[in-house]
Protein backbone atom coordinates (compact mmCIF):
# COMPACT_ATOMS: atom_id res chain seq x y z
CA MET A 1 17.95 27.39 -63.11
CA ARG A 2 19.78 25.70 -66.04
CA LYS A 3 20.60 22.17 -66.98
CA THR A 4 24.26 21.10 -66.85
CA ASN A 5 25.97 20.03 -70.07
CA LYS A 6 25.94 16.28 -69.29
CA SER A 7 24.48 13.15 -70.88
CA ASN A 8 21.43 11.49 -69.40
CA ILE A 9 23.57 8.56 -68.17
CA GLU A 10 25.96 10.99 -66.39
CA ILE A 11 23.07 12.88 -64.88
CA LEU A 12 21.49 9.65 -63.61
CA ARG A 13 24.80 8.41 -62.19
CA ASN A 14 25.40 11.78 -60.47
CA TYR A 15 21.88 11.76 -59.08
CA VAL A 16 22.43 8.35 -57.48
CA ASP A 17 25.71 9.68 -56.01
CA GLY A 18 23.87 12.65 -54.53
CA VAL A 19 24.83 15.22 -57.20
CA ARG A 20 21.82 16.99 -58.70
CA PRO A 21 21.71 17.70 -62.45
CA TYR A 22 20.72 21.33 -62.10
CA VAL A 23 22.71 24.37 -61.05
CA ILE A 24 20.74 27.08 -59.31
CA THR A 25 21.82 30.62 -60.13
CA GLY A 26 20.89 33.77 -58.30
CA TYR A 27 20.43 34.48 -54.59
CA THR A 28 18.16 32.10 -52.75
CA GLY A 29 18.80 33.17 -49.17
CA LYS A 30 20.38 31.25 -46.31
CA LYS A 31 19.67 27.53 -46.26
CA TYR A 32 17.89 26.43 -43.11
CA SER A 33 18.43 22.97 -41.64
CA LYS A 34 16.13 21.75 -38.90
CA ARG A 35 18.28 20.17 -36.20
CA LYS A 36 17.31 17.70 -33.52
CA VAL A 37 17.90 18.55 -29.86
CA GLY A 38 21.35 17.26 -28.88
CA GLU A 39 22.66 17.23 -32.46
CA HIS A 40 26.26 18.49 -32.99
CA TRP A 41 27.72 20.01 -36.14
CA THR A 42 30.57 22.21 -37.36
CA ASP A 43 29.97 25.22 -39.60
CA ALA A 44 32.11 26.47 -42.49
CA ASP A 45 34.24 28.57 -40.09
CA GLY A 46 35.08 25.54 -37.95
CA THR A 47 32.82 26.57 -35.04
CA GLU A 48 31.15 23.68 -33.23
CA TRP A 49 27.46 23.91 -32.40
CA GLU A 50 24.91 21.97 -30.39
CA GLN A 51 21.16 22.17 -30.81
CA LYS A 52 19.38 22.89 -27.54
CA SER A 53 15.62 22.94 -26.98
CA TYR A 54 15.77 26.74 -27.04
CA GLY A 55 18.03 27.03 -30.08
CA PRO A 56 21.62 26.42 -31.29
CA VAL A 57 24.58 27.24 -29.02
CA THR A 58 28.31 27.21 -29.69
CA ILE A 59 30.49 24.60 -27.99
CA ASN A 60 33.46 25.89 -26.04
CA ARG A 61 35.64 22.92 -25.12
CA VAL A 62 37.75 24.83 -22.60
CA ALA A 63 34.68 26.32 -20.91
CA ASP A 64 33.06 22.87 -20.78
CA ILE A 65 36.13 21.43 -19.02
CA VAL A 66 36.12 24.30 -16.51
CA ARG A 67 32.39 23.90 -15.83
CA LYS A 68 32.78 20.16 -15.33
CA ALA A 69 35.69 20.72 -12.95
CA LYS A 70 33.64 23.20 -10.90
CA LYS A 71 30.74 20.75 -10.67
CA GLN A 72 33.09 18.04 -9.45
CA GLN A 73 34.49 19.92 -6.51
CA CYS A 74 34.50 18.63 -2.95
CA LYS A 75 33.38 20.90 -0.11
CA CYS A 76 37.05 21.11 0.96
CA GLY A 77 37.84 22.78 -2.35
CA GLN A 78 39.58 19.86 -4.05
CA THR A 79 38.78 19.49 -7.74
CA ILE A 80 37.95 15.81 -8.20
CA GLN A 81 38.94 15.77 -11.86
CA TRP A 82 42.57 16.35 -10.88
CA GLY A 83 42.50 13.90 -7.98
CA SER A 84 42.95 10.14 -7.84
CA ARG A 85 40.66 7.39 -9.12
CA ILE A 86 39.65 6.75 -5.49
CA ASP A 87 38.58 10.39 -5.18
CA GLN A 88 36.36 9.99 -8.25
CA ILE A 89 34.76 6.81 -6.88
CA PHE A 90 34.04 8.38 -3.48
CA PHE A 91 32.77 11.60 -5.06
CA ASN A 92 30.33 9.75 -7.33
CA LYS A 93 28.85 7.99 -4.29
CA THR A 94 29.05 10.67 -1.59
CA GLY A 95 29.92 14.03 -3.16
CA MET A 96 33.18 14.09 -1.16
CA CYS A 97 36.83 13.33 -1.87
CA SER A 98 38.49 10.33 -0.20
CA ASN A 99 40.11 12.42 2.57
CA CYS A 100 36.83 14.09 3.51
CA ILE A 101 34.85 10.86 3.58
CA ILE A 102 37.53 9.24 5.79
CA ASP A 103 37.40 12.22 8.18
CA TYR A 104 33.60 12.10 8.21
CA GLU A 105 33.40 8.38 8.92
CA THR A 106 36.04 8.70 11.66
CA LYS A 107 33.82 11.25 13.41
CA LEU A 108 30.85 8.88 13.10
CA ARG A 109 32.87 6.08 14.71
CA ILE A 110 33.93 8.30 17.60
CA LEU A 111 30.33 9.40 18.20
CA GLY A 112 28.91 5.87 17.92
CA ILE A 113 26.87 6.57 14.77
CA TYR A 114 28.94 4.64 12.26
CA ASP A 115 27.20 1.24 12.57
CA ASP A 116 23.81 2.67 11.57
CA TYR A 117 25.44 4.71 8.81
CA GLU A 118 27.28 1.66 7.43
CA LYS A 119 24.17 -0.53 7.59
CA TYR A 120 22.15 2.13 5.78
CA LYS A 121 24.77 2.48 3.00
CA LEU A 122 25.28 -1.29 2.53
CA LEU A 123 21.56 -2.00 2.42
CA SER A 124 21.03 0.86 -0.04
CA ASN A 125 23.58 -0.74 -2.37
CA GLU A 126 21.96 -4.16 -1.98
CA LEU A 127 18.55 -2.68 -2.74
CA GLY A 128 19.92 -1.13 -5.93
CA PHE A 129 21.24 -4.53 -7.03
CA LEU A 130 17.97 -6.31 -6.20
CA LYS A 131 15.93 -3.75 -8.12
CA ASP A 132 18.12 -4.37 -11.17
CA VAL A 133 17.47 -8.10 -10.80
CA GLU A 134 13.74 -7.40 -10.43
CA ALA A 135 13.71 -5.38 -13.66
CA LYS A 136 15.59 -8.12 -15.57
CA LEU A 137 13.24 -10.84 -14.32
CA LYS A 138 10.24 -8.77 -15.41
CA ASP A 139 11.83 -8.42 -18.87
CA VAL A 140 12.28 -12.20 -19.06
CA ILE A 141 8.66 -12.82 -18.04
CA LYS A 142 7.40 -10.25 -20.53
CA PHE A 143 9.49 -11.71 -23.38
CA PHE A 144 8.47 -15.34 -22.83
CA SER A 145 4.85 -14.38 -22.22
CA GLU A 146 4.61 -12.53 -25.53
CA ASN A 147 6.92 -14.60 -27.77
CA SER A 148 7.39 -18.18 -28.97
CA GLY A 149 10.41 -18.81 -26.78
CA ASP A 150 13.02 -18.73 -29.56
CA VAL A 151 16.03 -16.67 -28.52
CA GLU A 152 18.51 -15.00 -30.87
CA MET A 153 21.92 -13.98 -29.53
CA VAL A 154 24.87 -12.15 -31.08
CA CYS A 155 27.84 -14.31 -30.13
CA ASN A 156 30.84 -12.27 -31.25
CA SER A 157 32.01 -8.92 -32.61
CA GLU A 158 31.82 -10.21 -36.21
CA GLY A 159 28.06 -10.45 -35.86
CA PHE A 160 27.74 -14.25 -35.73
CA THR A 161 24.34 -15.04 -34.28
CA GLU A 162 23.00 -18.12 -32.61
CA ARG A 163 19.32 -18.89 -32.41
CA TRP A 164 17.94 -21.20 -29.77
CA LYS A 165 14.68 -22.82 -30.79
CA ASN A 166 12.11 -24.72 -28.79
CA THR A 167 13.38 -23.49 -25.41
CA ASN A 168 11.45 -24.75 -22.41
CA LYS A 169 9.29 -21.64 -22.30
CA ASP A 170 6.92 -22.84 -19.56
CA LYS A 171 9.77 -23.87 -17.25
CA ILE A 172 11.59 -20.55 -17.80
CA LEU A 173 8.42 -18.59 -17.02
CA GLN A 174 7.74 -20.67 -13.93
CA ASP A 175 11.29 -20.18 -12.58
CA ALA A 176 11.34 -16.46 -13.41
CA LYS A 177 8.02 -15.84 -11.65
CA ARG A 178 9.21 -17.79 -8.60
CA ASP A 179 12.50 -15.85 -8.48
CA LEU A 180 10.67 -12.54 -8.96
CA LYS A 181 8.46 -13.27 -5.96
CA ILE A 182 11.53 -14.06 -3.82
CA VAL A 183 13.30 -10.87 -4.96
CA ILE A 184 10.27 -8.66 -4.26
CA GLU A 185 9.92 -10.13 -0.76
CA LYS A 186 13.64 -9.55 -0.18
CA ILE A 187 13.34 -5.94 -1.38
CA ASP A 188 10.45 -5.27 1.01
CA SER A 189 12.35 -6.80 3.93
CA ILE A 190 15.62 -4.95 3.24
CA PHE A 191 13.80 -1.66 2.64
CA THR A 192 12.27 -1.80 6.13
CA ILE A 193 15.64 -2.50 7.79
CA LYS A 194 17.37 0.14 5.68
CA GLU A 195 14.82 2.80 6.67
CA GLU A 196 15.28 1.97 10.37
CA ALA A 197 19.07 2.30 10.04
CA LYS A 198 18.63 5.54 8.09
CA LYS A 199 16.37 6.99 10.79
CA LYS A 200 18.90 6.22 13.55
CA TYR A 201 21.76 7.60 11.48
CA LEU A 202 19.90 10.85 10.76
CA GLU A 203 18.95 11.23 14.41
CA GLY A 204 22.60 10.79 15.38
CA VAL A 205 24.03 13.34 12.95
CA SER A 206 21.26 15.78 13.86
CA LYS A 207 22.12 15.43 17.56
CA TYR A 208 25.77 16.29 16.93
CA LYS A 209 24.97 18.83 14.18
CA LEU A 210 26.84 16.96 11.46
CA GLU A 211 25.99 16.84 7.78
CA ALA A 212 23.86 13.90 6.64
CA TYR A 213 24.53 12.01 3.43
CA ALA A 214 21.32 10.12 2.84
């Protein structure tokens, strides 16, 4: 290891810029960098890598696209990725393309099962929404229970912030706790009705040997 032919000022400036004042000569072996799981990088040959829990693997963009397309394939054989936006929406919710879900629901209507199926689906969606509200109310209660009540908000993309001081902490907590109680009661009520509709729907599809999407 030898010192470069530079002044102390140059060495200090280079050091701050990330350039070290020494040049290492001789073979030191391959440099090892510890990567975090999920980290991506490109090597000197241009190959992309991703760190998995079991070690680094190369990234093949074409293969990834093919694998994704195979995963998003309806039972009828249609590849959702190449379908319409409606196909993607239906597939995300049911695992079927729009044509298949329409055919399926038509059969349910003919057999008299559709009402229970629809009620089950609608109530499932409503439950999801109410559980989100429940989580947000719990966050509000936790925040105002543990903090002074001052709220800081980022108001625009330039980073302008607004801070609200002396909020009516007690009133906010009171309202949030009241609303949380109402939401929890609503969740319990809807869950019972949803499970009844689900049971009837499953009994119906089982009777006619149809697939169930529950």
